[in-house]
């Protein structure tokens, strides 16, 4: 699967049923996903929507109460939304 395909799949998880349709946001996420994933506490990144319905980069955190100071509010004009995804646990 290509990097774009992976990002499209991840975006579907956070998009609430409608895929964000901003080529600019997709390009921004492609350029910055690795850097965002390296931040402490970040478990996922993808495209979704902000509270206004605009396309946004969604950053999934293990603990949203401990938001790293270096998570930006926006990246190249695309807003960043923080989401609680919880700590992953193995299933029996």
PDB file of N, CA and C in Angstrom:
ATOM      1  N   UNK A   1       0.848  -1.179   0.000  1.00  0.00           N
ATOM      2  CA  UNK A   1       0.000   0.000   0.000  1.00  0.00           C
ATOM      3  C   UNK A   1       0.892   1.239   0.000  1.00  0.00           C
ATOM      4  N   UNK A   2       0.496   2.225  -0.759  1.00  0.00           N
ATOM      5  CA  UNK A   2       1.272   3.461  -0.829  1.00  0.00           C
ATOM      6  C   UNK A   2       1.046   4.310   0.416  1.00  0.00           C
ATOM      7  N   UNK A   3       1.943   5.252   0.607  1.00  0.00           N
ATOM      8  CA  UNK A   3       1.805   6.170   1.752  1.00  0.00           C
ATOM      9  C   UNK A   3       0.466   6.904   1.691  1.00  0.00           C
ATOM     10  N   UNK A   4       0.070   7.334   0.504  1.00  0.00           N
ATOM     11  CA  UNK A   4      -1.216   8.034   0.338  1.00  0.00           C
ATOM     12  C   UNK A   4      -2.364   7.109   0.711  1.00  0.00           C
ATOM     13  N   UNK A   5      -2.270   5.830   0.309  1.00  0.00           N
ATOM     14  CA  UNK A   5      -3.315   4.863   0.651  1.00  0.00           C
ATOM     15  C   UNK A   5      -3.424   4.651   2.144  1.00  0.00           C
ATOM     16  N   UNK A   6      -2.283   4.587   2.811  1.00  0.00           N
ATOM     17  CA  UNK A   6      -2.283   4.436   4.271  1.00  0.00           C
ATOM     18  C   UNK A   6      -2.928   5.658   4.921  1.00  0.00           C
ATOM     19  N   UNK A   7      -2.568   6.850   4.457  1.00  0.00           N
ATOM     20  CA  UNK A   7      -3.145   8.064   5.029  1.00  0.00           C
ATOM     21  C   UNK A   7      -4.651   8.129   4.760  1.00  0.00           C
ATOM     22  N   UNK A   8      -5.095   7.671   3.585  1.00  0.00           N
ATOM     23  CA  UNK A   8      -6.523   7.648   3.295  1.00  0.00           C
ATOM     24  C   UNK A   8      -7.253   6.701   4.240  1.00  0.00           C
ATOM     25  N   UNK A   9      -6.641   5.559   4.526  1.00  0.00           N
ATOM     26  CA  UNK A   9      -7.249   4.603   5.454  1.00  0.00           C
ATOM     27  C   UNK A   9      -7.355   5.197   6.845  1.00  0.00           C
ATOM     28  N   UNK A  10      -6.264   5.791   7.331  1.00  0.00           N
ATOM     29  CA  UNK A  10      -6.274   6.404   8.653  1.00  0.00           C
ATOM     30  C   UNK A  10      -7.293   7.540   8.696  1.00  0.00           C
ATOM     31  N   UNK A  11      -7.366   8.325   7.646  1.00  0.00           N
ATOM     32  CA  UNK A  11      -8.318   9.428   7.602  1.00  0.00           C
ATOM     33  C   UNK A  11      -9.747   8.932   7.753  1.00  0.00           C
ATOM     34  N   UNK A  12     -10.038   7.794   7.175  1.00  0.00           N
ATOM     35  CA  UNK A  12     -11.372   7.226   7.287  1.00  0.00           C
ATOM     36  C   UNK A  12     -11.743   6.907   8.720  1.00  0.00           C
ATOM     37  N   UNK A  13     -10.766   6.531   9.514  1.00  0.00           N
ATOM     38  CA  UNK A  13     -11.034   6.209  10.918  1.00  0.00           C
ATOM     39  C   UNK A  13     -11.484   7.435  11.694  1.00  0.00           C
ATOM     40  N   UNK A  14     -10.972   8.608  11.345  1.00  0.00           N
ATOM     41  CA  UNK A  14     -11.242   9.816  12.107  1.00  0.00           C
ATOM     42  C   UNK A  14     -12.212  10.765  11.419  1.00  0.00           C
ATOM     43  N   UNK A  15     -12.597  10.466  10.204  1.00  0.00           N
ATOM     44  CA  UNK A  15     -13.391  11.409   9.427  1.00  0.00           C
ATOM     45  C   UNK A  15     -14.878  11.384   9.702  1.00  0.00           C
ATOM     46  N   UNK A  16     -15.358  10.483  10.541  1.00  0.00           N
ATOM     47  CA  UNK A  16     -16.771  10.461  10.862  1.00  0.00           C
ATOM     48  C   UNK A  16     -17.664  10.142   9.686  1.00  0.00           C
ATOM     49  N   UNK A  17     -17.200   9.318   8.755  1.00  0.00           N
ATOM     50  CA  UNK A  17     -18.042   8.893   7.647  1.00  0.00           C
ATOM     51  C   UNK A  17     -17.842   9.684   6.374  1.00  0.00           C
ATOM     52  N   UNK A  18     -17.373  10.903   6.452  1.00  0.00           N
ATOM     53  CA  UNK A  18     -17.121  11.666   5.235  1.00  0.00           C
ATOM     54  C   UNK A  18     -15.632  11.962   5.160  1.00  0.00           C
ATOM     55  N   UNK A  19     -15.044  11.564   4.072  1.00  0.00           N
ATOM     56  CA  UNK A  19     -13.603  11.730   3.907  1.00  0.00           C
ATOM     57  C   UNK A  19     -13.273  13.202   3.639  1.00  0.00           C
ATOM     58  N   UNK A  20     -12.361  13.761   4.414  1.00  0.00           N
ATOM     59  CA  UNK A  20     -11.938  15.136   4.133  1.00  0.00           C
ATOM     60  C   UNK A  20     -11.389  15.226   2.712  1.00  0.00           C
ATOM     61  N   UNK A  21     -11.772  16.265   2.019  1.00  0.00           N
ATOM     62  CA  UNK A  21     -11.474  16.344   0.591  1.00  0.00           C
ATOM     63  C   UNK A  21     -10.516  17.466   0.236  1.00  0.00           C
ATOM     64  N   UNK A  22      -9.581  17.763   1.106  1.00  0.00           N
ATOM     65  CA  UNK A  22      -8.642  18.845   0.854  1.00  0.00           C
ATOM     66  C   UNK A  22      -7.302  18.288   0.385  1.00  0.00           C
ATOM     67  N   UNK A  23      -6.984  18.472  -0.898  1.00  0.00           N
ATOM     68  CA  UNK A  23      -5.665  18.021  -1.373  1.00  0.00           C
ATOM     69  C   UNK A  23      -4.523  18.696  -0.614  1.00  0.00           C
ATOM     70  N   UNK A  24      -4.701  19.964  -0.257  1.00  0.00           N
ATOM     71  CA  UNK A  24      -3.665  20.675   0.498  1.00  0.00           C
ATOM     72  C   UNK A  24      -3.429  19.981   1.835  1.00  0.00           C
ATOM     73  N   UNK A  25      -4.496  19.669   2.564  1.00  0.00           N
ATOM     74  CA  UNK A  25      -4.357  19.019   3.866  1.00  0.00           C
ATOM     75  C   UNK A  25      -3.703  17.651   3.722  1.00  0.00           C
ATOM     76  N   UNK A  26      -4.052  16.917   2.683  1.00  0.00           N
ATOM     77  CA  UNK A  26      -3.446  15.610   2.445  1.00  0.00           C
ATOM     78  C   UNK A  26      -1.950  15.747   2.207  1.00  0.00           C
ATOM     79  N   UNK A  27      -1.567  16.724   1.407  1.00  0.00           N
ATOM     80  CA  UNK A  27      -0.144  16.957   1.142  1.00  0.00           C
ATOM     81  C   UNK A  27       0.600  17.375   2.412  1.00  0.00           C
ATOM     82  N   UNK A  28      -0.026  18.240   3.219  1.00  0.00           N
ATOM     83  CA  UNK A  28       0.590  18.685   4.470  1.00  0.00           C
ATOM     84  C   UNK A  28       0.781  17.491   5.401  1.00  0.00           C
ATOM     85  N   UNK A  29      -0.247  16.658   5.536  1.00  0.00           N
ATOM     86  CA  UNK A  29      -0.136  15.493   6.405  1.00  0.00           C
ATOM     87  C   UNK A  29       0.955  14.547   5.908  1.00  0.00           C
ATOM     88  N   UNK A  30       1.033  14.344   4.610  1.00  0.00           N
ATOM     89  CA  UNK A  30       2.067  13.478   4.041  1.00  0.00           C
ATOM     90  C   UNK A  30       3.462  13.978   4.410  1.00  0.00           C
ATOM     91  N   UNK A  31       3.664  15.299   4.369  1.00  0.00           N
ATOM     92  CA  UNK A  31       4.973  15.865   4.687  1.00  0.00           C
ATOM     93  C   UNK A  31       5.296  15.834   6.177  1.00  0.00           C
ATOM     94  N   UNK A  32       4.283  15.901   7.048  1.00  0.00           N
ATOM     95  CA  UNK A  32       4.530  16.083   8.479  1.00  0.00           C
ATOM     96  C   UNK A  32       4.142  14.894   9.358  1.00  0.00           C
ATOM     97  N   UNK A  33       3.570  13.842   8.796  1.00  0.00           N
ATOM     98  CA  UNK A  33       3.085  12.711   9.606  1.00  0.00           C
ATOM     99  C   UNK A  33       4.193  12.081  10.442  1.00  0.00           C
ATOM    100  N   UNK A  34       5.338  11.830   9.841  1.00  0.00           N
ATOM    101  CA  UNK A  34       6.429  11.186  10.582  1.00  0.00           C
ATOM    102  C   UNK A  34       6.896  12.041  11.759  1.00  0.00           C
ATOM    103  N   UNK A  35       7.016  13.336  11.540  1.00  0.00           N
ATOM    104  CA  UNK A  35       7.455  14.235  12.608  1.00  0.00           C
ATOM    105  C   UNK A  35       6.422  14.267  13.742  1.00  0.00           C
ATOM    106  N   UNK A  36       5.149  14.321  13.398  1.00  0.00           N
ATOM    107  CA  UNK A  36       4.100  14.321  14.418  1.00  0.00           C
ATOM    108  C   UNK A  36       4.081  13.007  15.200  1.00  0.00           C
ATOM    109  N   UNK A  37       4.286  11.885  14.509  1.00  0.00           N
ATOM    110  CA  UNK A  37       4.267  10.587  15.171  1.00  0.00           C
ATOM    111  C   UNK A  37       5.427  10.416  16.147  1.00  0.00           C
ATOM    112  N   UNK A  38       6.491  11.167  15.961  1.00  0.00           N
ATOM    113  CA  UNK A  38       7.649  11.077  16.868  1.00  0.00           C
ATOM    114  C   UNK A  38       7.440  11.816  18.190  1.00  0.00           C
ATOM    115  N   UNK A  39       6.401  12.632  18.274  1.00  0.00           N
ATOM    116  CA  UNK A  39       6.150  13.381  19.498  1.00  0.00           C
ATOM    117  C   UNK A  39       5.675  12.438  20.603  1.00  0.00           C
ATOM    118  N   UNK A  40       6.154  12.666  21.806  1.00  0.00           N
ATOM    119  CA  UNK A  40       5.804  11.826  22.949  1.00  0.00           C
ATOM    120  C   UNK A  40       4.288  11.802  23.155  1.00  0.00           C
ATOM    121  N   UNK A  41       3.742  10.595  23.310  1.00  0.00           N
ATOM    122  CA  UNK A  41       2.322  10.427  23.591  1.00  0.00           C
ATOM    123  C   UNK A  41       1.431  10.323  22.372  1.00  0.00           C
ATOM    124  N   UNK A  42       1.976  10.594  21.173  1.00  0.00           N
ATOM    125  CA  UNK A  42       1.175  10.527  19.948  1.00  0.00           C
ATOM    126  C   UNK A  42       1.116   9.075  19.479  1.00  0.00           C
ATOM    127  N   UNK A  43      -0.110   8.572  19.290  1.00  0.00           N
ATOM    128  CA  UNK A  43      -0.309   7.201  18.822  1.00  0.00           C
ATOM    129  C   UNK A  43      -0.762   7.131  17.376  1.00  0.00           C
ATOM    130  N   UNK A  44      -1.360   8.217  16.863  1.00  0.00           N
ATOM    131  CA  UNK A  44      -1.859   8.195  15.490  1.00  0.00           C
ATOM    132  C   UNK A  44      -1.974   9.612  14.944  1.00  0.00           C
ATOM    133  N   UNK A  45      -1.939   9.708  13.621  1.00  0.00           N
ATOM    134  CA  UNK A  45      -2.225  10.964  12.930  1.00  0.00           C
ATOM    135  C   UNK A  45      -3.050  10.625  11.696  1.00  0.00           C
ATOM    136  N   UNK A  46      -3.893  11.533  11.313  1.00  0.00           N
ATOM    137  CA  UNK A  46      -4.729  11.325  10.134  1.00  0.00           C
ATOM    138  C   UNK A  46      -5.480  12.598   9.810  1.00  0.00           C
ATOM    139  N   UNK A  47      -6.362  12.515   8.821  1.00  0.00           N
ATOM    140  CA  UNK A  47      -7.198  13.648   8.473  1.00  0.00           C
ATOM    141  C   UNK A  47      -8.594  13.420   9.015  1.00  0.00           C
ATOM    142  N   UNK A  48      -9.199  14.484   9.444  1.00  0.00           N
ATOM    143  CA  UNK A  48     -10.566  14.436   9.937  1.00  0.00           C
ATOM    144  C   UNK A  48     -11.172  15.815   9.823  1.00  0.00           C
ATOM    145  N   UNK A  49     -12.069  16.116  10.711  1.00  0.00           N
ATOM    146  CA  UNK A  49     -12.732  17.418  10.687  1.00  0.00           C
ATOM    147  C   UNK A  49     -12.625  18.072  12.066  1.00  0.00           C
ATOM    148  N   UNK A  50     -12.558  19.396  12.063  1.00  0.00           N
ATOM    149  CA  UNK A  50     -12.568  20.111  13.338  1.00  0.00           C
ATOM    150  C   UNK A  50     -14.009  20.378  13.750  1.00  0.00           C
ATOM    151  N   UNK A  51     -14.208  21.108  14.832  1.00  0.00           N
ATOM    152  CA  UNK A  51     -15.557  21.353  15.347  1.00  0.00           C
ATOM    153  C   UNK A  51     -16.423  22.162  14.394  1.00  0.00           C
ATOM    154  N   UNK A  52     -15.802  22.843  13.422  1.00  0.00           N
ATOM    155  CA  UNK A  52     -16.547  23.617  12.425  1.00  0.00           C
ATOM    156  C   UNK A  52     -16.820  22.825  11.149  1.00  0.00           C
ATOM    157  N   UNK A  53     -16.331  21.581  11.094  1.00  0.00           N
ATOM    158  CA  UNK A  53     -16.514  20.763   9.903  1.00  0.00           C
ATOM    159  C   UNK A  53     -15.442  20.952   8.856  1.00  0.00           C
ATOM    160  N   UNK A  54     -14.422  21.738   9.170  1.00  0.00           N
ATOM    161  CA  UNK A  54     -13.325  21.970   8.227  1.00  0.00           C
ATOM    162  C   UNK A  54     -12.303  20.840   8.330  1.00  0.00           C
ATOM    163  N   UNK A  55     -11.619  20.576   7.240  1.00  0.00           N
ATOM    164  CA  UNK A  55     -10.589  19.549   7.227  1.00  0.00           C
ATOM    165  C   UNK A  55      -9.492  19.903   8.220  1.00  0.00           C
ATOM    166  N   UNK A  56      -9.057  18.905   8.989  1.00  0.00           N
ATOM    167  CA  UNK A  56      -8.034  19.120  10.008  1.00  0.00           C
ATOM    168  C   UNK A  56      -7.152  17.891  10.117  1.00  0.00           C
ATOM    169  N   UNK A  57      -5.960  18.085  10.657  1.00  0.00           N
ATOM    170  CA  UNK A  57      -5.090  16.970  11.008  1.00  0.00           C
ATOM    171  C   UNK A  57      -5.502  16.519  12.400  1.00  0.00           C
ATOM    172  N   UNK A  58      -5.831  15.239  12.544  1.00  0.00           N
ATOM    173  CA  UNK A  58      -6.251  14.692  13.827  1.00  0.00           C
ATOM    174  C   UNK A  58      -5.074  13.938  14.428  1.00  0.00           C
ATOM    175  N   UNK A  59      -4.688  14.340  15.633  1.00  0.00           N
ATOM    176  CA  UNK A  59      -3.582  13.708  16.349  1.00  0.00           C
ATOM    177  C   UNK A  59      -4.181  12.923  17.508  1.00  0.00           C
ATOM    178  N   UNK A  60      -4.001  11.607  17.479  1.00  0.00           N
ATOM    179  CA  UNK A  60      -4.523  10.751  18.534  1.00  0.00           C
ATOM    180  C   UNK A  60      -3.500  10.583  19.640  1.00  0.00           C
ATOM    181  N   UNK A  61      -3.923  10.907  20.864  1.00  0.00           N
ATOM    182  CA  UNK A  61      -3.027  10.824  22.018  1.00  0.00           C
ATOM    183  C   UNK A  61      -3.455   9.704  22.964  1.00  0.00           C
ATOM    184  N   UNK A  62      -2.464   9.105  23.583  1.00  0.00           N
ATOM    185  CA  UNK A  62      -2.721   8.096  24.601  1.00  0.00           C
ATOM    186  C   UNK A  62      -3.393   8.738  25.809  1.00  0.00           C
ATOM    187  N   UNK A  63      -2.931   9.924  26.198  1.00  0.00           N
ATOM    188  CA  UNK A  63      -3.461  10.616  27.368  1.00  0.00           C
ATOM    189  C   UNK A  63      -3.656  12.088  27.019  1.00  0.00           C
ATOM    190  N   UNK A  64      -4.883  12.504  26.685  1.00  0.00           N
ATOM    191  CA  UNK A  64      -5.096  13.895  26.278  1.00  0.00           C
ATOM    192  C   UNK A  64      -4.906  14.895  27.416  1.00  0.00           C
ATOM    193  N   UNK A  65      -4.816  14.420  28.650  1.00  0.00           N
ATOM    194  CA  UNK A  65      -4.561  15.328  29.768  1.00  0.00           C
ATOM    195  C   UNK A  65      -3.097  15.727  29.840  1.00  0.00           C
ATOM    196  N   UNK A  66      -2.243  14.968  29.150  1.00  0.00           N
ATOM    197  CA  UNK A  66      -0.811  15.262  29.124  1.00  0.00           C
ATOM    198  C   UNK A  66      -0.401  15.627  27.700  1.00  0.00           C
ATOM    199  N   UNK A  67      -0.985  16.683  27.179  1.00  0.00           N
ATOM    200  CA  UNK A  67      -0.710  17.097  25.801  1.00  0.00           C
ATOM    201  C   UNK A  67       0.701  17.658  25.721  1.00  0.00           C
ATOM    202  N   UNK A  68       1.529  17.067  24.859  1.00  0.00           N
ATOM    203  CA  UNK A  68       2.889  17.599  24.704  1.00  0.00           C
ATOM    204  C   UNK A  68       2.851  19.060  24.252  1.00  0.00           C
ATOM    205  N   UNK A  69       3.722  19.852  24.811  1.00  0.00           N
ATOM    206  CA  UNK A  69       3.760  21.278  24.485  1.00  0.00           C
ATOM    207  C   UNK A  69       4.123  21.531  23.035  1.00  0.00           C
ATOM    208  N   UNK A  70       4.796  20.593  22.405  1.00  0.00           N
ATOM    209  CA  UNK A  70       5.274  20.838  21.046  1.00  0.00           C
ATOM    210  C   UNK A  70       4.298  20.385  19.962  1.00  0.00           C
ATOM    211  N   UNK A  71       3.066  20.020  20.304  1.00  0.00           N
ATOM    212  CA  UNK A  71       2.064  19.741  19.269  1.00  0.00           C
ATOM    213  C   UNK A  71       1.552  21.089  18.772  1.00  0.00           C
ATOM    214  N   UNK A  72       1.679  21.338  17.477  1.00  0.00           N
ATOM    215  CA  UNK A  72       1.263  22.639  16.950  1.00  0.00           C
ATOM    216  C   UNK A  72      -0.257  22.767  16.891  1.00  0.00           C
ATOM    217  N   UNK A  73      -0.749  23.991  16.893  1.00  0.00           N
ATOM    218  CA  UNK A  73      -2.191  24.249  16.735  1.00  0.00           C
ATOM    219  C   UNK A  73      -2.596  24.148  15.270  1.00  0.00           C
ATOM    220  N   UNK A  74      -1.613  24.355  14.403  1.00  0.00           N
ATOM    221  CA  UNK A  74      -1.843  24.231  12.963  1.00  0.00           C
ATOM    222  C   UNK A  74      -0.523  23.881  12.285  1.00  0.00           C
ATOM    223  N   UNK A  75      -0.634  23.282  11.104  1.00  0.00           N
ATOM    224  CA  UNK A  75       0.536  22.950  10.300  1.00  0.00           C
ATOM    225  C   UNK A  75       0.259  23.453   8.891  1.00  0.00           C
ATOM    226  N   UNK A  76       1.052  24.399   8.445  1.00  0.00           N
ATOM    227  CA  UNK A  76       0.901  24.995   7.113  1.00  0.00           C
ATOM    228  C   UNK A  76      -0.542  25.423   6.847  1.00  0.00           C
ATOM    229  N   UNK A  77      -1.170  26.015   7.856  1.00  0.00           N
ATOM    230  CA  UNK A  77      -2.525  26.523   7.698  1.00  0.00           C
ATOM    231  C   UNK A  77      -3.632  25.500   7.942  1.00  0.00           C
ATOM    232  N   UNK A  78      -3.289  24.245   8.157  1.00  0.00           N
ATOM    233  CA  UNK A  78      -4.287  23.207   8.433  1.00  0.00           C
ATOM    234  C   UNK A  78      -4.387  23.055   9.950  1.00  0.00           C
ATOM    235  N   UNK A  79      -5.596  23.232  10.525  1.00  0.00           N
ATOM    236  CA  UNK A  79      -5.728  23.123  11.972  1.00  0.00           C
ATOM    237  C   UNK A  79      -5.421  21.708  12.466  1.00  0.00           C
ATOM    238  N   UNK A  80      -4.935  21.620  13.702  1.00  0.00           N
ATOM    239  CA  UNK A  80      -4.643  20.333  14.332  1.00  0.00           C
ATOM    240  C   UNK A  80      -5.667  20.118  15.449  1.00  0.00           C
ATOM    241  N   UNK A  81      -6.300  18.956  15.427  1.00  0.00           N
ATOM    242  CA  UNK A  81      -7.280  18.572  16.429  1.00  0.00           C
ATOM    243  C   UNK A  81      -6.694  17.424  17.237  1.00  0.00           C
ATOM    244  N   UNK A  82      -6.812  17.511  18.549  1.00  0.00           N
ATOM    245  CA  UNK A  82      -6.303  16.457  19.418  1.00  0.00           C
ATOM    246  C   UNK A  82      -7.459  15.555  19.834  1.00  0.00           C
ATOM    247  N   UNK A  83      -7.227  14.251  19.739  1.00  0.00           N
ATOM    248  CA  UNK A  83      -8.267  13.276  20.055  1.00  0.00           C
ATOM    249  C   UNK A  83      -7.719  12.231  21.016  1.00  0.00           C
ATOM    250  N   UNK A  84      -8.529  11.825  21.968  1.00  0.00           N
ATOM    251  CA  UNK A  84      -8.165  10.769  22.912  1.00  0.00           C
ATOM    252  C   UNK A  84      -8.408   9.423  22.247  1.00  0.00           C
ATOM    253  N   UNK A  85      -7.334   8.658  22.045  1.00  0.00           N
ATOM    254  CA  UNK A  85      -7.498   7.312  21.488  1.00  0.00           C
ATOM    255  C   UNK A  85      -7.220   6.250  22.536  1.00  0.00           C
ATOM    256  N   UNK A  86      -6.772   6.673  23.711  1.00  0.00           N
ATOM    257  CA  UNK A  86      -6.528   5.728  24.797  1.00  0.00           C
ATOM    258  C   UNK A  86      -5.294   4.885  24.584  1.00  0.00           C
ATOM    259  N   UNK A  87      -4.986   4.129  25.601  1.00  0.00           N
ATOM    260  CA  UNK A  87      -3.815   3.262  25.553  1.00  0.00           C
ATOM    261  C   UNK A  87      -4.192   1.932  24.904  1.00  0.00           C
ATOM    262  N   UNK A  88      -3.465   1.516  23.880  1.00  0.00           N
ATOM    263  CA  UNK A  88      -3.789   0.224  23.243  1.00  0.00           C
ATOM    264  C   UNK A  88      -3.466  -0.929  24.183  1.00  0.00           C
ATOM    265  N   UNK A  89      -4.346  -1.930  24.196  1.00  0.00           N
ATOM    266  CA  UNK A  89      -4.143  -3.108  25.016  1.00  0.00           C
ATOM    267  C   UNK A  89      -4.332  -4.350  24.163  1.00  0.00           C
ATOM    268  N   UNK A  90      -3.552  -5.366  24.454  1.00  0.00           N
ATOM    269  CA  UNK A  90      -3.650  -6.629  23.733  1.00  0.00           C
ATOM    270  C   UNK A  90      -4.964  -7.324  24.082  1.00  0.00           C
ATOM    271  N   UNK A  91      -5.561  -7.966  23.099  1.00  0.00           N
ATOM    272  CA  UNK A  91      -6.779  -8.753  23.313  1.00  0.00           C
ATOM    273  C   UNK A  91      -6.427 -10.212  23.528  1.00  0.00           C
ATOM    274  N   UNK A  92      -7.227 -10.899  24.319  1.00  0.00           N
ATOM    275  CA  UNK A  92      -7.016 -12.340  24.541  1.00  0.00           C
ATOM    276  C   UNK A  92      -7.417 -13.147  23.336  1.00  0.00           C
TER     277      UNK A  92
END
